[in-house]
C-alpha atoms as a PDB file:
ATOM      1  CA  MET A   1      50.986  42.667   8.185  1.00  0.00           C
ATOM      2  CA  PHE A   2      50.204  39.697   5.884  1.00  0.00           C
ATOM      3  CA  SER A   3      46.914  38.172   5.137  1.00  0.00           C
ATOM      4  CA  VAL A   4      46.653  34.467   5.995  1.00  0.00           C
ATOM      5  CA  VAL A   5      43.931  33.933   3.534  1.00  0.00           C
ATOM      6  CA  SER A   6      45.931  35.060   0.746  1.00  0.00           C
ATOM      7  CA  VAL A   7      49.071  33.397   1.752  1.00  0.00           C
ATOM      8  CA  ALA A   8      48.310  30.265  -0.490  1.00  0.00           C
ATOM      9  CA  PHE A   9      48.205  32.341  -3.529  1.00  0.00           C
ATOM     10  CA  ARG A  10      50.839  34.882  -3.374  1.00  0.00           C
ATOM     11  CA  MET A  11      53.487  32.381  -5.045  1.00  0.00           C
ATOM     12  CA  MET A  12      51.570  32.749  -8.092  1.00  0.00           C
ATOM     13  CA  THR A  13      53.058  35.891  -9.051  1.00  0.00           C
ATOM     14  CA  VAL A  14      56.673  34.473  -9.067  1.00  0.00           C
ATOM     15  CA  GLY A  15      57.778  33.964 -12.542  1.00  0.00           C
ATOM     16  CA  VAL A  16      60.828  31.900 -12.318  1.00  0.00           C
ATOM     17  CA  ILE A  17      60.968  28.646 -10.473  1.00  0.00           C
ATOM     18  CA  VAL A  18      64.454  27.205  -9.833  1.00  0.00           C
ATOM     19  CA  ALA A  19      64.841  23.536  -9.039  1.00  0.00           C
ATOM     20  CA  LEU A  20      67.130  23.295  -5.786  1.00  0.00           C
ATOM     21  CA  ALA A  21      67.130  19.853  -4.203  1.00  0.00           C
ATOM     22  CA  ALA A  22      65.988  16.340  -4.104  1.00  0.00           C
ATOM     23  CA  CYS A  23      65.936  13.872  -1.310  1.00  0.00           C
ATOM     24  CA  ALA A  24      65.224  10.120  -1.190  1.00  0.00           C
ATOM     25  CA  GLY A  25      64.718  10.313  -4.733  1.00  0.00           C
ATOM     26  CA  SER A  26      61.058  11.067  -4.053  1.00  0.00           C
ATOM     27  CA  THR A  27      60.844  14.824  -2.703  1.00  0.00           C
ATOM     28  CA  THR A  28      61.661  17.615  -4.907  1.00  0.00           C
ATOM     29  CA  VAL A  29      62.125  21.333  -3.496  1.00  0.00           C
ATOM     30  CA  GLU A  30      61.573  24.451  -5.740  1.00  0.00           C
ATOM     31  CA  LYS A  31      62.614  28.025  -4.630  1.00  0.00           C
ATOM     32  CA  LEU A  32      59.759  30.208  -5.412  1.00  0.00           C
ATOM     33  CA  TYR A  33      61.194  33.440  -3.543  1.00  0.00           C
ATOM     34  CA  GLN A  34      63.819  34.687  -1.200  1.00  0.00           C
ATOM     35  CA  ASP A  35      64.117  38.390   0.090  1.00  0.00           C
ATOM     36  CA  PRO A  36      67.819  39.399  -0.329  1.00  0.00           C
ATOM     37  CA  ALA A  37      67.481  40.758   3.087  1.00  0.00           C
ATOM     38  CA  ALA A  38      66.633  37.259   4.545  1.00  0.00           C
ATOM     39  CA  ARG A  39      70.536  36.253   4.073  1.00  0.00           C
ATOM     40  CA  GLU A  40      71.296  38.299   6.999  1.00  0.00           C
ATOM     41  CA  LEU A  41      68.632  36.759   9.290  1.00  0.00           C
ATOM     42  CA  THR A  42      68.474  33.636  11.473  1.00  0.00           C
ATOM     43  CA  PHE A  43      65.444  32.643  13.310  1.00  0.00           C
ATOM     44  CA  ASN A  44      65.204  30.603  16.541  1.00  0.00           C
ATOM     45  CA  ARG A  45      61.545  31.043  17.621  1.00  0.00           C
ATOM     46  CA  ILE A  46      58.866  30.116  15.060  1.00  0.00           C
ATOM     47  CA  LEU A  47      55.189  29.756  15.263  1.00  0.00           C
ATOM     48  CA  VAL A  48      54.263  27.200  12.551  1.00  0.00           C
ATOM     49  CA  VAL A  49      50.811  27.419  10.892  1.00  0.00           C
ATOM     50  CA  SER A  50      49.372  24.857   8.480  1.00  0.00           C
ATOM     51  CA  VAL A  51      46.744  25.561   5.947  1.00  0.00           C
ATOM     52  CA  ALA A  52      45.028  22.151   5.336  1.00  0.00           C
ATOM     53  CA  SER A  53      41.874  20.691   3.984  1.00  0.00           C
ATOM     54  CA  ASP A  54      40.692  19.672   7.720  1.00  0.00           C
ATOM     55  CA  GLY A  55      41.665  20.029  11.337  1.00  0.00           C
ATOM     56  CA  GLY A  56      43.294  16.782  11.693  1.00  0.00           C
ATOM     57  CA  GLU A  57      45.581  17.366   8.495  1.00  0.00           C
ATOM     58  CA  ARG A  58      46.313  20.737   9.719  1.00  0.00           C
ATOM     59  CA  ARG A  59      47.445  19.448  13.400  1.00  0.00           C
ATOM     60  CA  GLN A  60      49.413  16.615  11.832  1.00  0.00           C
ATOM     61  CA  MET A  61      51.329  18.951   9.544  1.00  0.00           C
ATOM     62  CA  GLU A  62      52.086  21.495  12.281  1.00  0.00           C
ATOM     63  CA  GLU A  63      53.115  18.765  14.536  1.00  0.00           C
ATOM     64  CA  LEU A  64      55.763  17.214  12.038  1.00  0.00           C
ATOM     65  CA  VAL A  65      57.049  20.564  11.070  1.00  0.00           C
ATOM     66  CA  SER A  66      57.606  21.857  14.670  1.00  0.00           C
ATOM     67  CA  SER A  67      59.171  18.463  15.596  1.00  0.00           C
ATOM     68  CA  GLU A  68      61.773  18.768  12.797  1.00  0.00           C
ATOM     69  CA  LEU A  69      62.256  22.534  13.771  1.00  0.00           C
ATOM     70  CA  ALA A  70      62.641  21.706  17.323  1.00  0.00           C
ATOM     71  CA  GLU A  71      65.860  19.870  16.736  1.00  0.00           C
ATOM     72  CA  ARG A  72      67.453  22.925  15.133  1.00  0.00           C
ATOM     73  CA  ILE A  73      66.010  26.019  17.019  1.00  0.00           C
ATOM     74  CA  ASP A  74      64.977  27.124  20.521  1.00  0.00           C
ATOM     75  CA  SER A  75      61.297  26.829  20.262  1.00  0.00           C
ATOM     76  CA  ALA A  76      58.701  25.768  17.481  1.00  0.00           C
ATOM     77  CA  ILE A  77      55.216  26.105  18.478  1.00  0.00           C
ATOM     78  CA  PRO A  78      52.409  24.753  16.463  1.00  0.00           C
ATOM     79  CA  SER A  79      49.700  27.151  15.960  1.00  0.00           C
ATOM     80  CA  TYR A  80      46.787  24.859  16.952  1.00  0.00           C
ATOM     81  CA  LYS A  81      48.020  24.530  20.633  1.00  0.00           C
ATOM     82  CA  ARG A  82      47.327  28.442  20.991  1.00  0.00           C
ATOM     83  CA  LEU A  83      44.423  28.929  18.371  1.00  0.00           C
ATOM     84  CA  GLY A  84      42.498  25.611  18.397  1.00  0.00           C
ATOM     85  CA  LEU A  85      41.557  24.020  15.369  1.00  0.00           C
ATOM     86  CA  ALA A  86      39.044  26.489  13.900  1.00  0.00           C
ATOM     87  CA  SER A  87      38.771  26.447  10.202  1.00  0.00           C
ATOM     88  CA  VAL A  88      39.241  30.122   9.933  1.00  0.00           C
ATOM     89  CA  ILE A  89      42.300  32.010  11.803  1.00  0.00           C
ATOM     90  CA  THR A  90      41.816  35.713  11.873  1.00  0.00           C
ATOM     91  CA  GLN A  91      45.008  38.135  11.530  1.00  0.00           C
ATOM     92  CA  ASP A  92      44.539  39.447  14.900  1.00  0.00           C
ATOM     93  CA  ALA A  93      44.535  36.059  16.400  1.00  0.00           C
ATOM     94  CA  LEU A  94      47.661  35.069  14.402  1.00  0.00           C
ATOM     95  CA  ASP A  95      49.311  38.173  15.582  1.00  0.00           C
ATOM     96  CA  MET A  96      48.435  37.707  19.197  1.00  0.00           C
ATOM     97  CA  ALA A  97      49.799  34.115  19.076  1.00  0.00           C
ATOM     98  CA  ALA A  98      52.962  35.154  17.726  1.00  0.00           C
ATOM     99  CA  GLU A  99      53.459  37.628  20.456  1.00  0.00           C
ATOM    100  CA  ALA A 100      52.499  35.299  23.170  1.00  0.00           C
ATOM    101  CA  ALA A 101      55.059  32.980  21.868  1.00  0.00           C
ATOM    102  CA  GLU A 102      57.667  35.480  21.515  1.00  0.00           C
ATOM    103  CA  ALA A 103      58.076  34.151  18.113  1.00  0.00           C
ATOM    104  CA  ASP A 104      60.529  35.861  15.618  1.00  0.00           C
ATOM    105  CA  ALA A 105      59.264  34.411  12.618  1.00  0.00           C
ATOM    106  CA  ILE A 106      55.937  32.637  11.296  1.00  0.00           C
ATOM    107  CA  LEU A 107      56.280  29.614   9.053  1.00  0.00           C
ATOM    108  CA  ILE A 108      52.876  28.873   7.117  1.00  0.00           C
ATOM    109  CA  THR A 109      52.699  25.644   5.219  1.00  0.00           C
ATOM    110  CA  HIS A 110      50.009  25.374   2.872  1.00  0.00           C
ATOM    111  CA  VAL A 111      49.022  21.585   1.821  1.00  0.00           C
ATOM    112  CA  VAL A 112      48.115  22.425  -1.573  1.00  0.00           C
ATOM    113  CA  SER A 113      47.126  18.883  -2.526  1.00  0.00           C
ATOM    114  CA  VAL A 114      47.180  15.319  -1.578  1.00  0.00           C
ATOM    115  CA  SER A 115      46.569  12.594  -4.282  1.00  0.00           C
ATOM    116  CA  THR A 116      46.587   8.829  -4.020  1.00  0.00           C
ATOM    117  CA  SER A 117      46.764   6.273  -6.954  1.00  0.00           C
ATOM    118  CA  ALA A 118      46.479   2.686  -6.787  1.00  0.00           C
ATOM    119  CA  GLU A 119      48.136  -0.172  -8.801  1.00  0.00           C
ATOM    120  CA  VAL A 120      46.466  -3.558  -8.817  1.00  0.00           C
ATOM    121  CA  GLN A 121      48.584  -6.565  -9.658  1.00  0.00           C
ATOM    122  CA  GLU A 122      46.547  -9.608 -10.614  1.00  0.00           C
ATOM    123  CA  GLY A 123      47.161 -12.821  -8.755  1.00  0.00           C
ATOM    124  CA  ARG A 124      48.385 -15.773 -10.561  1.00  0.00           C
ATOM    125  CA  VAL A 125      47.548 -19.278 -10.695  1.00  0.00           C
ATOM    126  CA  ASP A 126      49.865 -22.004  -9.814  1.00  0.00           C
ATOM    127  CA  ILE A 127      49.434 -25.460 -10.549  1.00  0.00           C
ATOM    128  CA  LYS A 128      50.554 -28.132  -8.184  1.00  0.00           C
ATOM    129  CA  SER A 129      50.876 -31.740  -9.517  1.00  0.00           C
ATOM    130  CA  GLU A 130      51.505 -34.809  -7.469  1.00  0.00           C
ATOM    131  CA  CYS A 131      52.032 -38.482  -9.102  1.00  0.00           C
ATOM    132  CA  ARG A 132      49.554 -40.879  -7.552  1.00  0.00           C
ATOM    133  CA  GLY A 133      52.273 -43.521  -7.275  1.00  0.00           C
ATOM    134  CA  GLY A 134      51.204 -46.859  -6.136  1.00  0.00           C
ATOM    135  CA  ASN A 135      51.104 -49.838  -8.840  1.00  0.00           C
ATOM    136  CA  PRO A 136      52.766 -49.188 -12.308  1.00  0.00           C
ATOM    137  CA  ALA A 137      49.301 -48.611 -13.939  1.00  0.00           C
ATOM    138  CA  ASP A 138      49.196 -45.188 -11.917  1.00  0.00           C
ATOM    139  CA  TYR A 139      52.851 -44.220 -12.807  1.00  0.00           C
ATOM    140  CA  PHE A 140      51.708 -41.720 -15.242  1.00  0.00           C
ATOM    141  CA  LEU A 141      48.557 -40.416 -13.638  1.00  0.00           C
ATOM    142  CA  TYR A 142      48.769 -37.181 -11.680  1.00  0.00           C
ATOM    143  CA  ASP A 143      46.545 -35.070  -9.203  1.00  0.00           C
ATOM    144  CA  HIS A 144      46.489 -31.503 -10.126  1.00  0.00           C
ATOM    145  CA  GLU A 145      45.981 -28.825  -7.687  1.00  0.00           C
ATOM    146  CA  GLU A 146      45.305 -25.214  -8.421  1.00  0.00           C
ATOM    147  CA  LEU A 147      47.079 -22.621  -6.124  1.00  0.00           C
ATOM    148  CA  ARG A 148      45.504 -19.202  -6.660  1.00  0.00           C
ATOM    149  CA  GLN A 149      47.330 -16.263  -5.403  1.00  0.00           C
ATOM    150  CA  PRO A 150      45.122 -13.210  -4.651  1.00  0.00           C
ATOM    151  CA  ASP A 151      45.153  -9.819  -6.358  1.00  0.00           C
ATOM    152  CA  SER A 152      47.521  -7.196  -4.582  1.00  0.00           C
ATOM    153  CA  VAL A 153      46.939  -3.417  -4.402  1.00  0.00           C
ATOM    154  CA  SER A 154      49.782  -0.714  -3.967  1.00  0.00           C
ATOM    155  CA  PHE A 155      49.198   2.734  -3.296  1.00  0.00           C
ATOM    156  CA  ALA A 156      51.344   5.895  -4.326  1.00  0.00           C
ATOM    157  CA  HIS A 157      50.823   9.392  -2.766  1.00  0.00           C
ATOM    158  CA  GLU A 158      51.743  12.538  -4.038  1.00  0.00           C
ATOM    159  CA  VAL A 159      51.660  15.464  -1.706  1.00  0.00           C
ATOM    160  CA  VAL A 160      52.342  19.217  -2.715  1.00  0.00           C
ATOM    161  CA  VAL A 161      53.146  21.704  -0.018  1.00  0.00           C
ATOM    162  CA  VAL A 162      53.831  25.563  -0.429  1.00  0.00           C
ATOM    163  CA  SER A 163      55.713  27.109   2.536  1.00  0.00           C
ATOM    164  CA  ASN A 164      56.165  30.719   3.552  1.00  0.00           C
ATOM    165  CA  LEU A 165      58.410  32.443   6.002  1.00  0.00           C
ATOM    166  CA  TYR A 166      57.362  35.646   7.560  1.00  0.00           C
ATOM    167  CA  ARG A 167      59.163  38.059  10.120  1.00  0.00           C
ATOM    168  CA  ALA A 168      56.831  38.111  13.068  1.00  0.00           C
ATOM    169  CA  ASP A 169      57.361  41.805  13.817  1.00  0.00           C
ATOM    170  CA  THR A 170      56.763  43.305  10.347  1.00  0.00           C
ATOM    171  CA  GLY A 171      54.880  40.451   8.479  1.00  0.00           C
ATOM    172  CA  THR A 172      57.417  40.779   5.585  1.00  0.00           C
ATOM    173  CA  ARG A 173      57.534  37.696   3.497  1.00  0.00           C
ATOM    174  CA  LEU A 174      61.068  36.359   3.377  1.00  0.00           C
ATOM    175  CA  TRP A 175      60.970  33.058   1.843  1.00  0.00           C
ATOM    176  CA  THR A 176      58.673  30.666  -0.285  1.00  0.00           C
ATOM    177  CA  ILE A 177      59.316  27.198  -1.517  1.00  0.00           C
ATOM    178  CA  GLN A 178      57.142  24.378  -3.058  1.00  0.00           C
ATOM    179  CA  SER A 179      57.918  20.890  -2.007  1.00  0.00           C
ATOM    180  CA  THR A 180      56.494  17.804  -3.941  1.00  0.00           C
ATOM    181  CA  CYS A 181      56.849  14.286  -2.336  1.00  0.00           C
ATOM    182  CA  VAL A 182      55.755  11.095  -4.170  1.00  0.00           C
ATOM    183  CA  ASP A 183      56.218   7.917  -2.191  1.00  0.00           C
ATOM    184  CA  LYS A 184      54.444   4.415  -2.128  1.00  0.00           C
ATOM    185  CA  ALA A 185      54.982   4.462   1.649  1.00  0.00           C
ATOM    186  CA  GLU A 186      52.023   5.285   4.044  1.00  0.00           C
ATOM    187  CA  LEU A 187      50.688   8.764   3.785  1.00  0.00           C
ATOM    188  CA  GLU A 188      51.879   9.701   7.141  1.00  0.00           C
ATOM    189  CA  SER A 189      55.264   8.908   6.078  1.00  0.00           C
ATOM    190  CA  VAL A 190      55.102  11.004   3.002  1.00  0.00           C
ATOM    191  CA  MET A 191      53.781  13.953   5.092  1.00  0.00           C
ATOM    192  CA  ALA A 192      56.857  13.576   7.450  1.00  0.00           C
ATOM    193  CA  ASP A 193      59.245  13.406   4.458  1.00  0.00           C
ATOM    194  CA  GLU A 194      57.516  16.926   3.406  1.00  0.00           C
ATOM    195  CA  ALA A 195      58.178  18.305   6.892  1.00  0.00           C
ATOM    196  CA  ARG A 196      62.098  17.044   6.942  1.00  0.00           C
ATOM    197  CA  ALA A 197      62.195  18.767   3.280  1.00  0.00           C
ATOM    198  CA  ILE A 198      60.846  22.079   4.555  1.00  0.00           C
ATOM    199  CA  VAL A 199      63.062  22.288   7.384  1.00  0.00           C
ATOM    200  CA  ARG A 200      66.326  21.148   5.453  1.00  0.00           C
ATOM    201  CA  GLN A 201      65.795  23.893   3.075  1.00  0.00           C
ATOM    202  CA  LEU A 202      65.306  26.363   5.833  1.00  0.00           C
ATOM    203  CA  ARG A 203      68.808  25.445   7.053  1.00  0.00           C
ATOM    204  CA  ARG A 204      70.330  25.314   3.514  1.00  0.00           C
ATOM    205  CA  ASP A 205      69.275  28.897   3.129  1.00  0.00           C
ATOM    206  CA  GLY A 206      70.506  30.118   6.411  1.00  0.00           C
ATOM    207  CA  LEU A 207      67.185  30.930   8.061  1.00  0.00           C
ATOM    208  CA  ILE A 208      67.514  28.634  11.007  1.00  0.00           C
ATOM    209  CA  GLY A 209      70.700  27.074  12.579  1.00  0.00           C
END
């Protein structure tokens, strides 16, 4: 069986990376590995596990991926619902959760990095001028008012996720991708884009219906 701890690092041994797809102009997917035998397999019950920096991020990613999968397969089970949100998941616990869920595959998503950059746009100053009017002596006299626009800040998020699919019965790794999403949307929307990209690639590669 496979080791959860080493999941995040196995793809480092893959030498050739081929760009496969782009969605919405902001998400790219790279194939890191696919077992030739996987072309003959389609999975309908998947246990979804996320490796993330904290329990909240793990739960969010598992929910997003499971929700996307649920539209395509019979059952997608977030692992936290069976294993809780403990920071360490033992191999025995993962195997038992997969067996209890009658899963035929285990999808492990590793949120490798989440970075945010900010761009500050300085506010401008507009001058509003009004003629005083009145008698002819005031015709060329104006009152001036400064209208100051505040500075604005826009944020861009980059999220990198590495996803691995394993057979539940043998622990054989069948498929690995890396997805990178960059967007100025809210971080939750960027994570949702990541989930869609992962499930879309599983479908394109024939691993789900």
